[in-house]
C-alpha atoms as a PDB file:
ATOM      1  CA  MET A   1      97.810  12.308 150.667  1.00  0.00           C
ATOM      2  CA  GLU A   2      98.609   8.703 150.046  1.00  0.00           C
ATOM      3  CA  PHE A   3      99.806   7.012 146.956  1.00  0.00           C
ATOM      4  CA  ARG A   4      99.591   3.863 144.846  1.00  0.00           C
ATOM      5  CA  ARG A   5     101.908   2.219 142.245  1.00  0.00           C
ATOM      6  CA  LEU A   6     100.153   2.314 138.969  1.00  0.00           C
ATOM      7  CA  GLY A   7     100.023  -1.044 137.653  1.00  0.00           C
ATOM      8  CA  ASP A   8     103.468  -2.941 136.521  1.00  0.00           C
ATOM      9  CA  SER A   9     104.874   0.650 136.042  1.00  0.00           C
ATOM     10  CA  ASP A  10     107.232   2.577 138.171  1.00  0.00           C
ATOM     11  CA  LEU A  11     105.061   5.142 138.803  1.00  0.00           C
ATOM     12  CA  VAL A  12     103.769   5.926 142.181  1.00  0.00           C
ATOM     13  CA  VAL A  13     100.642   8.153 141.913  1.00  0.00           C
ATOM     14  CA  SER A  14      98.345  10.138 144.396  1.00  0.00           C
ATOM     15  CA  GLU A  15      95.307   8.563 145.298  1.00  0.00           C
ATOM     16  CA  LEU A  16      93.607  11.702 143.573  1.00  0.00           C
ATOM     17  CA  ALA A  17      94.314  13.036 140.360  1.00  0.00           C
ATOM     18  CA  LEU A  18      93.488  16.823 139.146  1.00  0.00           C
ATOM     19  CA  GLY A  19      91.671  16.590 135.693  1.00  0.00           C
ATOM     20  CA  SER A  20      91.045  19.340 133.162  1.00  0.00           C
ATOM     21  CA  TRP A  21      87.860  18.098 131.074  1.00  0.00           C
ATOM     22  CA  LEU A  22      85.420  20.871 130.812  1.00  0.00           C
ATOM     23  CA  THR A  23      87.465  23.097 133.429  1.00  0.00           C
ATOM     24  CA  TYR A  24      90.845  24.572 132.534  1.00  0.00           C
ATOM     25  CA  GLY A  25      91.272  26.251 129.446  1.00  0.00           C
ATOM     26  CA  ALA A  26      87.526  26.214 129.359  1.00  0.00           C
ATOM     27  CA  SER A  27      85.031  27.351 131.459  1.00  0.00           C
ATOM     28  CA  VAL A  28      87.428  27.950 134.711  1.00  0.00           C
ATOM     29  CA  GLU A  29      88.975  31.475 134.309  1.00  0.00           C
ATOM     30  CA  ARG A  30      92.853  31.166 134.337  1.00  0.00           C
ATOM     31  CA  GLU A  31      93.867  32.808 137.597  1.00  0.00           C
ATOM     32  CA  ARG A  32      91.126  30.323 139.406  1.00  0.00           C
ATOM     33  CA  GLY A  33      92.694  27.495 137.471  1.00  0.00           C
ATOM     34  CA  LEU A  34      96.043  28.424 138.546  1.00  0.00           C
ATOM     35  CA  ALA A  35      95.126  28.482 142.149  1.00  0.00           C
ATOM     36  CA  CYS A  36      93.711  25.210 141.809  1.00  0.00           C
ATOM     37  CA  VAL A  37      96.877  23.752 140.464  1.00  0.00           C
ATOM     38  CA  ASP A  38      98.710  25.479 143.284  1.00  0.00           C
ATOM     39  CA  ARG A  39      96.556  23.930 145.981  1.00  0.00           C
ATOM     40  CA  ALA A  40      96.772  20.236 144.302  1.00  0.00           C
ATOM     41  CA  PHE A  41     100.604  20.513 144.807  1.00  0.00           C
ATOM     42  CA  ASP A  42     100.169  21.935 148.325  1.00  0.00           C
ATOM     43  CA  LEU A  43      97.713  18.805 148.836  1.00  0.00           C
ATOM     44  CA  GLY A  44     100.074  16.340 147.691  1.00  0.00           C
ATOM     45  CA  ILE A  45      98.468  15.604 144.630  1.00  0.00           C
ATOM     46  CA  ASN A  46     101.006  14.426 141.777  1.00  0.00           C
ATOM     47  CA  LEU A  47      99.152  13.013 138.898  1.00  0.00           C
ATOM     48  CA  PHE A  48      97.433  15.611 136.560  1.00  0.00           C
ATOM     49  CA  ASP A  49      95.428  14.260 133.663  1.00  0.00           C
ATOM     50  CA  THR A  50      94.472  15.926 130.290  1.00  0.00           C
ATOM     51  CA  ALA A  51      93.369  15.175 126.610  1.00  0.00           C
ATOM     52  CA  ASN A  52      94.514  16.751 123.409  1.00  0.00           C
ATOM     53  CA  VAL A  53      90.606  17.297 122.905  1.00  0.00           C
ATOM     54  CA  TYR A  54      89.597  19.051 125.917  1.00  0.00           C
ATOM     55  CA  GLY A  55      89.099  22.350 124.433  1.00  0.00           C
ATOM     56  CA  ARG A  56      90.576  21.756 121.484  1.00  0.00           C
ATOM     57  CA  GLY A  57      94.200  21.885 123.088  1.00  0.00           C
ATOM     58  CA  ALA A  58      93.145  24.752 125.592  1.00  0.00           C
ATOM     59  CA  ALA A  59      93.587  22.392 128.676  1.00  0.00           C
ATOM     60  CA  GLU A  60      96.754  21.098 127.545  1.00  0.00           C
ATOM     61  CA  GLU A  61      98.175  24.844 127.112  1.00  0.00           C
ATOM     62  CA  PHE A  62      96.779  25.650 130.492  1.00  0.00           C
ATOM     63  CA  LEU A  63      98.549  22.996 132.238  1.00  0.00           C
ATOM     64  CA  GLY A  64     101.514  23.896 130.087  1.00  0.00           C
ATOM     65  CA  GLU A  65     101.736  27.208 131.905  1.00  0.00           C
ATOM     66  CA  ALA A  66     100.478  26.246 135.111  1.00  0.00           C
ATOM     67  CA  LEU A  67     103.379  23.473 135.782  1.00  0.00           C
ATOM     68  CA  GLN A  68     106.286  25.553 134.132  1.00  0.00           C
ATOM     69  CA  GLY A  69     108.807  26.372 136.777  1.00  0.00           C
ATOM     70  CA  ARG A  70     108.160  22.997 138.746  1.00  0.00           C
ATOM     71  CA  ASP A  71     110.029  20.077 139.230  1.00  0.00           C
ATOM     72  CA  ARG A  72     109.474  17.961 136.457  1.00  0.00           C
ATOM     73  CA  GLY A  73     110.201  14.835 138.742  1.00  0.00           C
ATOM     74  CA  SER A  74     107.643  16.280 141.087  1.00  0.00           C
ATOM     75  CA  TYR A  75     104.451  15.222 139.376  1.00  0.00           C
ATOM     76  CA  HIS A  76     103.253  12.890 136.821  1.00  0.00           C
ATOM     77  CA  LEU A  77     101.486  14.303 133.653  1.00  0.00           C
ATOM     78  CA  ALA A  78      99.058  12.269 131.627  1.00  0.00           C
ATOM     79  CA  THR A  79      97.278  12.928 128.624  1.00  0.00           C
ATOM     80  CA  LYS A  80      95.287  11.256 125.898  1.00  0.00           C
ATOM     81  CA  LEU A  81      94.565  11.097 122.381  1.00  0.00           C
ATOM     82  CA  PHE A  82      91.933   9.544 119.848  1.00  0.00           C
ATOM     83  CA  TRP A  83      88.907  12.197 119.373  1.00  0.00           C
ATOM     84  CA  ARG A  84      88.769  14.387 116.391  1.00  0.00           C
ATOM     85  CA  MET A  85      90.961  17.553 116.243  1.00  0.00           C
ATOM     86  CA  SER A  86      90.352  18.475 113.069  1.00  0.00           C
ATOM     87  CA  PRO A  87      88.128  17.146 109.901  1.00  0.00           C
ATOM     88  CA  THR A  88      91.428  15.003 109.144  1.00  0.00           C
ATOM     89  CA  ASP A  89      92.748  14.168 112.541  1.00  0.00           C
ATOM     90  CA  GLN A  90      91.164  11.571 114.471  1.00  0.00           C
ATOM     91  CA  GLY A  91      91.853   7.904 116.090  1.00  0.00           C
ATOM     92  CA  LEU A  92      94.731   5.904 116.773  1.00  0.00           C
ATOM     93  CA  SER A  93      96.846   5.432 113.300  1.00  0.00           C
ATOM     94  CA  ALA A  94     100.455   5.297 113.365  1.00  0.00           C
ATOM     95  CA  GLU A  95     100.415   8.887 111.718  1.00  0.00           C
ATOM     96  CA  GLN A  96      98.046  10.098 114.581  1.00  0.00           C
ATOM     97  CA  VAL A  97     100.050   8.669 117.388  1.00  0.00           C
ATOM     98  CA  ARG A  98     102.870  10.702 116.188  1.00  0.00           C
ATOM     99  CA  LYS A  99     101.199  14.009 114.844  1.00  0.00           C
ATOM    100  CA  GLN A 100      99.132  14.198 118.044  1.00  0.00           C
ATOM    101  CA  SER A 101     101.847  13.267 120.702  1.00  0.00           C
ATOM    102  CA  GLU A 102     104.036  16.034 119.279  1.00  0.00           C
ATOM    103  CA  ALA A 103     101.449  18.268 119.278  1.00  0.00           C
ATOM    104  CA  SER A 104     100.271  17.327 122.887  1.00  0.00           C
ATOM    105  CA  LEU A 105     104.460  18.014 124.008  1.00  0.00           C
ATOM    106  CA  ARG A 106     104.498  21.307 122.694  1.00  0.00           C
ATOM    107  CA  ARG A 107     101.350  22.493 123.845  1.00  0.00           C
ATOM    108  CA  LEU A 108     102.417  21.085 127.543  1.00  0.00           C
ATOM    109  CA  GLN A 109     105.979  22.603 127.082  1.00  0.00           C
ATOM    110  CA  THR A 110     107.412  19.116 128.165  1.00  0.00           C
ATOM    111  CA  ASP A 111     109.775  16.513 126.646  1.00  0.00           C
ATOM    112  CA  TYR A 112     107.952  13.784 127.581  1.00  0.00           C
ATOM    113  CA  VAL A 113     104.477  12.671 129.265  1.00  0.00           C
ATOM    114  CA  ASP A 114     104.241  10.383 132.058  1.00  0.00           C
ATOM    115  CA  LEU A 115     101.216   8.233 130.605  1.00  0.00           C
ATOM    116  CA  TYR A 116      99.832   8.391 127.100  1.00  0.00           C
ATOM    117  CA  GLN A 117      96.467   6.944 126.871  1.00  0.00           C
ATOM    118  CA  CYS A 118      94.051   5.756 124.117  1.00  0.00           C
ATOM    119  CA  HIS A 119      91.032   7.566 124.666  1.00  0.00           C
ATOM    120  CA  ARG A 120      88.925   5.272 123.387  1.00  0.00           C
ATOM    121  CA  TYR A 121      89.449   1.899 121.086  1.00  0.00           C
ATOM    122  CA  ASP A 122      89.730   2.375 116.851  1.00  0.00           C
ATOM    123  CA  GLU A 123      87.873   0.066 115.447  1.00  0.00           C
ATOM    124  CA  HIS A 124      89.333   1.314 112.034  1.00  0.00           C
ATOM    125  CA  THR A 125      92.885   0.986 112.498  1.00  0.00           C
ATOM    126  CA  PRO A 126      94.851  -2.345 113.561  1.00  0.00           C
ATOM    127  CA  LEU A 127      95.690  -2.609 117.000  1.00  0.00           C
ATOM    128  CA  GLU A 128      99.333  -3.975 116.283  1.00  0.00           C
ATOM    129  CA  GLU A 129      99.570  -0.322 114.232  1.00  0.00           C
ATOM    130  CA  THR A 130      98.543   1.454 117.318  1.00  0.00           C
ATOM    131  CA  MET A 131     100.773  -0.541 119.720  1.00  0.00           C
ATOM    132  CA  GLU A 132     103.731  -0.484 117.471  1.00  0.00           C
ATOM    133  CA  ALA A 133     103.637   3.564 117.448  1.00  0.00           C
ATOM    134  CA  LEU A 134     103.164   3.847 121.198  1.00  0.00           C
ATOM    135  CA  THR A 135     106.038   1.586 121.752  1.00  0.00           C
ATOM    136  CA  GLU A 136     108.290   3.713 119.158  1.00  0.00           C
ATOM    137  CA  LEU A 137     107.080   6.835 121.772  1.00  0.00           C
ATOM    138  CA  VAL A 138     108.331   4.916 124.649  1.00  0.00           C
ATOM    139  CA  GLN A 139     111.487   3.834 123.128  1.00  0.00           C
ATOM    140  CA  SER A 140     112.267   7.458 121.880  1.00  0.00           C
ATOM    141  CA  GLY A 141     111.922   8.812 125.623  1.00  0.00           C
ATOM    142  CA  LYS A 142     109.044  10.902 124.576  1.00  0.00           C
ATOM    143  CA  VAL A 143     106.572   8.514 126.503  1.00  0.00           C
ATOM    144  CA  ARG A 144     107.218   6.743 129.875  1.00  0.00           C
ATOM    145  CA  TRP A 145     104.069   4.560 129.860  1.00  0.00           C
ATOM    146  CA  ILE A 146     100.573   3.613 127.953  1.00  0.00           C
ATOM    147  CA  GLY A 147      97.091   3.423 129.019  1.00  0.00           C
ATOM    148  CA  PHE A 148      93.995   3.152 127.528  1.00  0.00           C
ATOM    149  CA  SER A 149      90.353   4.605 128.309  1.00  0.00           C
ATOM    150  CA  GLU A 150      86.986   2.698 127.991  1.00  0.00           C
ATOM    151  CA  TRP A 151      88.214  -0.378 126.472  1.00  0.00           C
ATOM    152  CA  SER A 152      86.076  -3.436 126.548  1.00  0.00           C
ATOM    153  CA  PRO A 153      87.415  -6.979 128.072  1.00  0.00           C
ATOM    154  CA  GLU A 154      87.639  -8.419 124.663  1.00  0.00           C
ATOM    155  CA  GLN A 155      89.956  -5.248 123.551  1.00  0.00           C
ATOM    156  CA  ILE A 156      91.787  -5.212 126.422  1.00  0.00           C
ATOM    157  CA  THR A 157      92.805  -8.991 126.239  1.00  0.00           C
ATOM    158  CA  ALA A 158      93.364  -8.444 122.489  1.00  0.00           C
ATOM    159  CA  ALA A 159      96.261  -5.947 124.007  1.00  0.00           C
ATOM    160  CA  ILE A 160      97.548  -8.137 126.521  1.00  0.00           C
ATOM    161  CA  ASP A 161      97.854 -11.083 123.983  1.00  0.00           C
ATOM    162  CA  LEU A 162      99.853  -8.583 121.536  1.00  0.00           C
ATOM    163  CA  ALA A 163     101.926  -7.193 124.313  1.00  0.00           C
ATOM    164  CA  GLY A 164     103.064 -10.721 125.317  1.00  0.00           C
ATOM    165  CA  GLY A 165     103.137 -12.469 122.040  1.00  0.00           C
ATOM    166  CA  SER A 166     105.918 -14.382 120.089  1.00  0.00           C
ATOM    167  CA  GLN A 167     106.699 -11.035 118.262  1.00  0.00           C
ATOM    168  CA  GLY A 168     107.854  -9.442 121.063  1.00  0.00           C
ATOM    169  CA  GLY A 169     109.044  -5.940 121.644  1.00  0.00           C
ATOM    170  CA  LEU A 170     105.534  -4.120 122.191  1.00  0.00           C
ATOM    171  CA  VAL A 171     105.089  -2.212 125.187  1.00  0.00           C
ATOM    172  CA  PRO A 172     102.076  -3.230 127.583  1.00  0.00           C
ATOM    173  CA  PHE A 173      99.579  -0.966 128.900  1.00  0.00           C
ATOM    174  CA  VAL A 174      99.768  -0.345 132.454  1.00  0.00           C
ATOM    175  CA  SER A 175      96.653   1.626 132.886  1.00  0.00           C
ATOM    176  CA  SER A 176      92.880   1.910 132.215  1.00  0.00           C
ATOM    177  CA  GLN A 177      90.401   5.309 132.655  1.00  0.00           C
ATOM    178  CA  PRO A 178      86.851   3.879 132.940  1.00  0.00           C
ATOM    179  CA  GLU A 179      84.045   5.858 134.435  1.00  0.00           C
ATOM    180  CA  TYR A 180      83.529   4.398 137.703  1.00  0.00           C
ATOM    181  CA  SER A 181      81.118   5.793 141.168  1.00  0.00           C
ATOM    182  CA  MET A 182      78.697   4.337 143.279  1.00  0.00           C
ATOM    183  CA  LEU A 183      76.071   4.841 140.536  1.00  0.00           C
ATOM    184  CA  TRP A 184      78.114   3.751 137.334  1.00  0.00           C
ATOM    185  CA  ARG A 185      79.828   0.376 137.786  1.00  0.00           C
ATOM    186  CA  LYS A 186      80.783  -1.112 134.387  1.00  0.00           C
ATOM    187  CA  ALA A 187      84.361  -0.629 135.417  1.00  0.00           C
ATOM    188  CA  GLU A 188      83.647  -3.783 137.212  1.00  0.00           C
ATOM    189  CA  GLN A 189      83.713  -5.736 133.958  1.00  0.00           C
ATOM    190  CA  VAL A 190      87.198  -5.041 133.445  1.00  0.00           C
ATOM    191  CA  ILE A 191      88.724  -4.896 136.844  1.00  0.00           C
ATOM    192  CA  PRO A 192      89.456  -8.548 137.663  1.00  0.00           C
ATOM    193  CA  LEU A 193      91.073  -8.840 134.048  1.00  0.00           C
ATOM    194  CA  CYS A 194      93.228  -5.603 134.490  1.00  0.00           C
ATOM    195  CA  ALA A 195      94.388  -6.893 138.110  1.00  0.00           C
ATOM    196  CA  ASP A 196      95.726 -10.251 136.575  1.00  0.00           C
ATOM    197  CA  HIS A 197      97.708  -8.322 133.927  1.00  0.00           C
ATOM    198  CA  GLY A 198      99.390  -5.276 135.987  1.00  0.00           C
ATOM    199  CA  ILE A 199      96.697  -3.021 134.727  1.00  0.00           C
ATOM    200  CA  SER A 200      95.428  -0.132 137.599  1.00  0.00           C
ATOM    201  CA  GLN A 201      92.427   1.963 136.806  1.00  0.00           C
ATOM    202  CA  ILE A 202      92.605   5.791 136.876  1.00  0.00           C
ATOM    203  CA  VAL A 203      88.773   6.386 137.201  1.00  0.00           C
ATOM    204  CA  TRP A 204      86.807   9.392 135.858  1.00  0.00           C
ATOM    205  CA  SER A 205      83.750  10.775 137.175  1.00  0.00           C
ATOM    206  CA  PRO A 206      84.013   9.370 140.767  1.00  0.00           C
ATOM    207  CA  LEU A 207      81.410  11.824 141.728  1.00  0.00           C
ATOM    208  CA  ALA A 208      78.999  11.239 139.037  1.00  0.00           C
ATOM    209  CA  GLN A 209      79.172  14.433 137.559  1.00  0.00           C
ATOM    210  CA  GLY A 210      78.629  16.053 141.080  1.00  0.00           C
ATOM    211  CA  ALA A 211      75.306  14.243 141.707  1.00  0.00           C
ATOM    212  CA  LEU A 212      77.452  12.282 144.419  1.00  0.00           C
ATOM    213  CA  THR A 213      78.436  15.651 146.451  1.00  0.00           C
ATOM    214  CA  GLY A 214      74.969  16.201 147.639  1.00  0.00           C
ATOM    215  CA  LYS A 215      74.518  19.541 146.071  1.00  0.00           C
ATOM    216  CA  TYR A 216      71.515  18.390 143.555  1.00  0.00           C
ATOM    217  CA  ARG A 217      68.271  17.915 145.498  1.00  0.00           C
ATOM    218  CA  PRO A 218      65.431  15.886 143.750  1.00  0.00           C
ATOM    219  CA  GLY A 219      62.618  18.295 143.150  1.00  0.00           C
ATOM    220  CA  ALA A 220      65.073  21.828 142.848  1.00  0.00           C
ATOM    221  CA  PRO A 221      66.557  23.715 140.289  1.00  0.00           C
ATOM    222  CA  PRO A 222      70.736  23.196 140.163  1.00  0.00           C
ATOM    223  CA  PRO A 223      72.567  25.565 142.486  1.00  0.00           C
ATOM    224  CA  PRO A 224      73.649  28.531 140.159  1.00  0.00           C
ATOM    225  CA  GLY A 225      76.790  28.181 138.442  1.00  0.00           C
ATOM    226  CA  SER A 226      77.200  24.678 139.271  1.00  0.00           C
ATOM    227  CA  ARG A 227      77.607  22.098 135.970  1.00  0.00           C
ATOM    228  CA  ALA A 228      73.933  21.032 135.949  1.00  0.00           C
ATOM    229  CA  SER A 229      72.847  25.018 135.498  1.00  0.00           C
ATOM    230  CA  GLY A 230      75.152  25.523 132.523  1.00  0.00           C
ATOM    231  CA  ARG A 231      76.027  24.680 129.296  1.00  0.00           C
ATOM    232  CA  ASP A 232      77.405  21.371 130.257  1.00  0.00           C
ATOM    233  CA  SER A 233      74.334  20.449 131.835  1.00  0.00           C
ATOM    234  CA  GLY A 234      73.537  17.612 129.181  1.00  0.00           C
ATOM    235  CA  ILE A 235      76.445  15.302 130.153  1.00  0.00           C
ATOM    236  CA  MET A 236      74.691  14.906 133.913  1.00  0.00           C
ATOM    237  CA  ARG A 237      71.641  13.564 132.206  1.00  0.00           C
ATOM    238  CA  ARG A 238      72.027  10.114 133.522  1.00  0.00           C
ATOM    239  CA  PHE A 239      72.205  11.394 137.461  1.00  0.00           C
ATOM    240  CA  LYS A 240      69.646  14.097 137.279  1.00  0.00           C
ATOM    241  CA  ASP A 241      66.706  11.964 137.827  1.00  0.00           C
ATOM    242  CA  ASP A 242      64.824  12.731 141.090  1.00  0.00           C
ATOM    243  CA  ALA A 243      65.220   9.081 141.873  1.00  0.00           C
ATOM    244  CA  VAL A 244      68.873   9.258 141.865  1.00  0.00           C
ATOM    245  CA  LEU A 245      69.014  12.248 143.526  1.00  0.00           C
ATOM    246  CA  GLU A 246      66.899  11.330 146.508  1.00  0.00           C
ATOM    247  CA  ALA A 247      68.911   7.953 146.665  1.00  0.00           C
ATOM    248  CA  VAL A 248      72.192  10.374 147.144  1.00  0.00           C
ATOM    249  CA  GLN A 249      70.509  12.128 150.020  1.00  0.00           C
ATOM    250  CA  ARG A 250      70.008   8.680 151.604  1.00  0.00           C
ATOM    251  CA  LEU A 251      73.595   8.284 151.756  1.00  0.00           C
ATOM    252  CA  ARG A 252      74.038  11.430 154.146  1.00  0.00           C
ATOM    253  CA  PRO A 253      73.491   9.574 157.407  1.00  0.00           C
ATOM    254  CA  VAL A 254      76.258   6.918 156.334  1.00  0.00           C
ATOM    255  CA  ALA A 255      78.599   9.607 155.675  1.00  0.00           C
ATOM    256  CA  ASP A 256      77.803  11.843 158.748  1.00  0.00           C
ATOM    257  CA  ASP A 257      78.282   8.367 161.102  1.00  0.00           C
ATOM    258  CA  LEU A 258      81.856   8.543 159.500  1.00  0.00           C
ATOM    259  CA  GLY A 259      82.355  12.288 159.802  1.00  0.00           C
ATOM    260  CA  LEU A 260      82.584  12.366 156.046  1.00  0.00           C
ATOM    261  CA  SER A 261      81.328  14.716 153.602  1.00  0.00           C
ATOM    262  CA  LEU A 262      78.991  13.036 150.746  1.00  0.00           C
ATOM    263  CA  ALA A 263      81.771  13.457 148.382  1.00  0.00           C
ATOM    264  CA  GLN A 264      84.357  12.129 150.400  1.00  0.00           C
ATOM    265  CA  LEU A 265      82.578   9.106 151.207  1.00  0.00           C
ATOM    266  CA  ALA A 266      81.938   8.757 147.307  1.00  0.00           C
ATOM    267  CA  LEU A 267      85.939   9.060 146.636  1.00  0.00           C
ATOM    268  CA  ALA A 268      86.547   6.790 149.124  1.00  0.00           C
ATOM    269  CA  TRP A 269      84.244   4.262 147.756  1.00  0.00           C
ATOM    270  CA  VAL A 270      85.922   3.884 144.568  1.00  0.00           C
ATOM    271  CA  LEU A 271      89.487   4.057 146.189  1.00  0.00           C
ATOM    272  CA  ARG A 272      88.242   0.983 148.550  1.00  0.00           C
ATOM    273  CA  GLU A 273      89.068  -1.288 145.511  1.00  0.00           C
ATOM    274  CA  PRO A 274      92.479  -1.959 145.390  1.00  0.00           C
ATOM    275  CA  ASN A 275      92.970  -2.154 141.448  1.00  0.00           C
ATOM    276  CA  VAL A 276      91.867   1.893 141.813  1.00  0.00           C
ATOM    277  CA  ALA A 277      95.355   3.677 141.582  1.00  0.00           C
ATOM    278  CA  ALA A 278      93.589   7.013 141.490  1.00  0.00           C
ATOM    279  CA  ALA A 279      90.396   8.908 141.110  1.00  0.00           C
ATOM    280  CA  ILE A 280      90.467  11.716 138.856  1.00  0.00           C
ATOM    281  CA  VAL A 281      88.462  15.041 140.314  1.00  0.00           C
ATOM    282  CA  GLY A 282      87.762  18.266 138.713  1.00  0.00           C
ATOM    283  CA  ALA A 283      87.940  21.688 140.573  1.00  0.00           C
ATOM    284  CA  SER A 284      86.798  24.963 139.851  1.00  0.00           C
ATOM    285  CA  ARG A 285      87.766  26.393 143.076  1.00  0.00           C
ATOM    286  CA  PRO A 286      90.675  25.354 145.598  1.00  0.00           C
ATOM    287  CA  GLU A 287      88.484  24.382 148.361  1.00  0.00           C
ATOM    288  CA  GLN A 288      86.914  21.846 146.673  1.00  0.00           C
ATOM    289  CA  LEU A 289      90.345  19.876 146.254  1.00  0.00           C
ATOM    290  CA  ASP A 290      90.484  20.456 150.318  1.00  0.00           C
ATOM    291  CA  ASP A 291      87.190  18.675 150.899  1.00  0.00           C
ATOM    292  CA  ASN A 292      88.138  15.860 148.174  1.00  0.00           C
ATOM    293  CA  ALA A 293      91.462  15.362 149.655  1.00  0.00           C
ATOM    294  CA  GLY A 294      90.001  14.186 152.864  1.00  0.00           C
ATOM    295  CA  ALA A 295      89.194  11.159 150.883  1.00  0.00           C
ATOM    296  CA  SER A 296      92.508   9.854 150.830  1.00  0.00           C
ATOM    297  CA  GLY A 297      93.468   7.180 153.442  1.00  0.00           C
ATOM    298  CA  VAL A 298      89.822   6.392 154.428  1.00  0.00           C
ATOM    299  CA  LYS A 299      89.183   2.849 154.972  1.00  0.00           C
ATOM    300  CA  LEU A 300      85.547   1.820 154.314  1.00  0.00           C
ATOM    301  CA  SER A 301      84.451  -1.344 156.272  1.00  0.00           C
ATOM    302  CA  ASP A 302      82.311  -4.182 154.465  1.00  0.00           C
ATOM    303  CA  GLU A 303      79.498  -2.571 156.535  1.00  0.00           C
ATOM    304  CA  VAL A 304      79.710   0.677 155.326  1.00  0.00           C
ATOM    305  CA  VAL A 305      80.043  -0.533 151.759  1.00  0.00           C
ATOM    306  CA  ALA A 306      76.818  -2.650 152.185  1.00  0.00           C
ATOM    307  CA  ALA A 307      75.175   0.354 153.706  1.00  0.00           C
ATOM    308  CA  VAL A 308      75.908   2.395 150.855  1.00  0.00           C
ATOM    309  CA  ASP A 309      74.259   0.034 148.748  1.00  0.00           C
ATOM    310  CA  LYS A 310      71.075  -0.341 150.768  1.00  0.00           C
ATOM    311  CA  ALA A 311      71.075   3.487 150.768  1.00  0.00           C
ATOM    312  CA  LEU A 312      70.952   3.489 146.904  1.00  0.00           C
ATOM    313  CA  GLY A 313      68.913   0.690 146.435  1.00  0.00           C
ATOM    314  CA  PRO A 314      69.206  -2.122 143.881  1.00  0.00           C
ATOM    315  CA  GLY A 315      67.360   0.067 141.154  1.00  0.00           C
ATOM    316  CA  ILE A 316      69.785   2.711 141.300  1.00  0.00           C
ATOM    317  CA  VAL A 317      72.775   0.711 141.237  1.00  0.00           C
ATOM    318  CA  ALA A 318      71.303  -2.088 138.873  1.00  0.00           C
ATOM    319  CA  SER A 319      70.446   0.831 136.140  1.00  0.00           C
ATOM    320  CA  SER A 320      73.907   1.853 135.931  1.00  0.00           C
ATOM    321  CA  ARG A 321      74.957  -1.546 134.955  1.00  0.00           C
ATOM    322  CA  PRO A 322      75.056  -2.591 131.213  1.00  0.00           C
END
């Protein structure tokens, strides 16, 4: 496993992070989840990403249990807030930042999180109010660094301006968590801006909800037990089209020439971007992490990157751009 510095922070994170959306505390039974966390440590993964809304707190509770007994300095813990937790609890107001952070710390059984992220932008709360509340958490020692997820260039610029403004004293953001994969490239809108201001990307869905693993075949039903075959199949709707699945199959010769699995090629593709500090992967079985870890340290040549785009075809890639 290779490591990268997260923005202008002092966090050095593994190129792969273990996520917990739709898995731990939800669809993955406890013992298999614990085995996945153990395998992540064995492979050198040191970044664990979750959110208060995952399983309405169940994912955080699972990680709080799974990480007990481990040296707190041996891993970095990241969580998020924004989405609705109750009829009266949602957003990024100062009250919610304080309330949700305390609840997350309690579920995670820790005194602090290494990275606290705004899961979305809150149009109903002044940005300055949110950043002041987050700064208080950093100053109190309950949070080390702060980040955001799926913010627009304009929203990011406003946050940069506030942190660097004349009032001073506000803690700057060091991470952005966008969706990013060969099939979904909107993050390329914010990467140059973030790179210029000490903000790294921690990307989610680098495998396009599993489509880039090649396990879904055009014209065929999804494999039993896969995400697309279960209750979470709706989240794959952008990537279930036969045209997309056929394009993914055209990537096989590219991966084979490199001695990589399709998943490893897809992960190496997002990690080719220097501003990407880590790619979040999910796992319901430890062996999935074994394969994913093989992408760390892989360097793709310009020729390989061009071959990927050629295999996917302009229609597939362009359809994923705004």
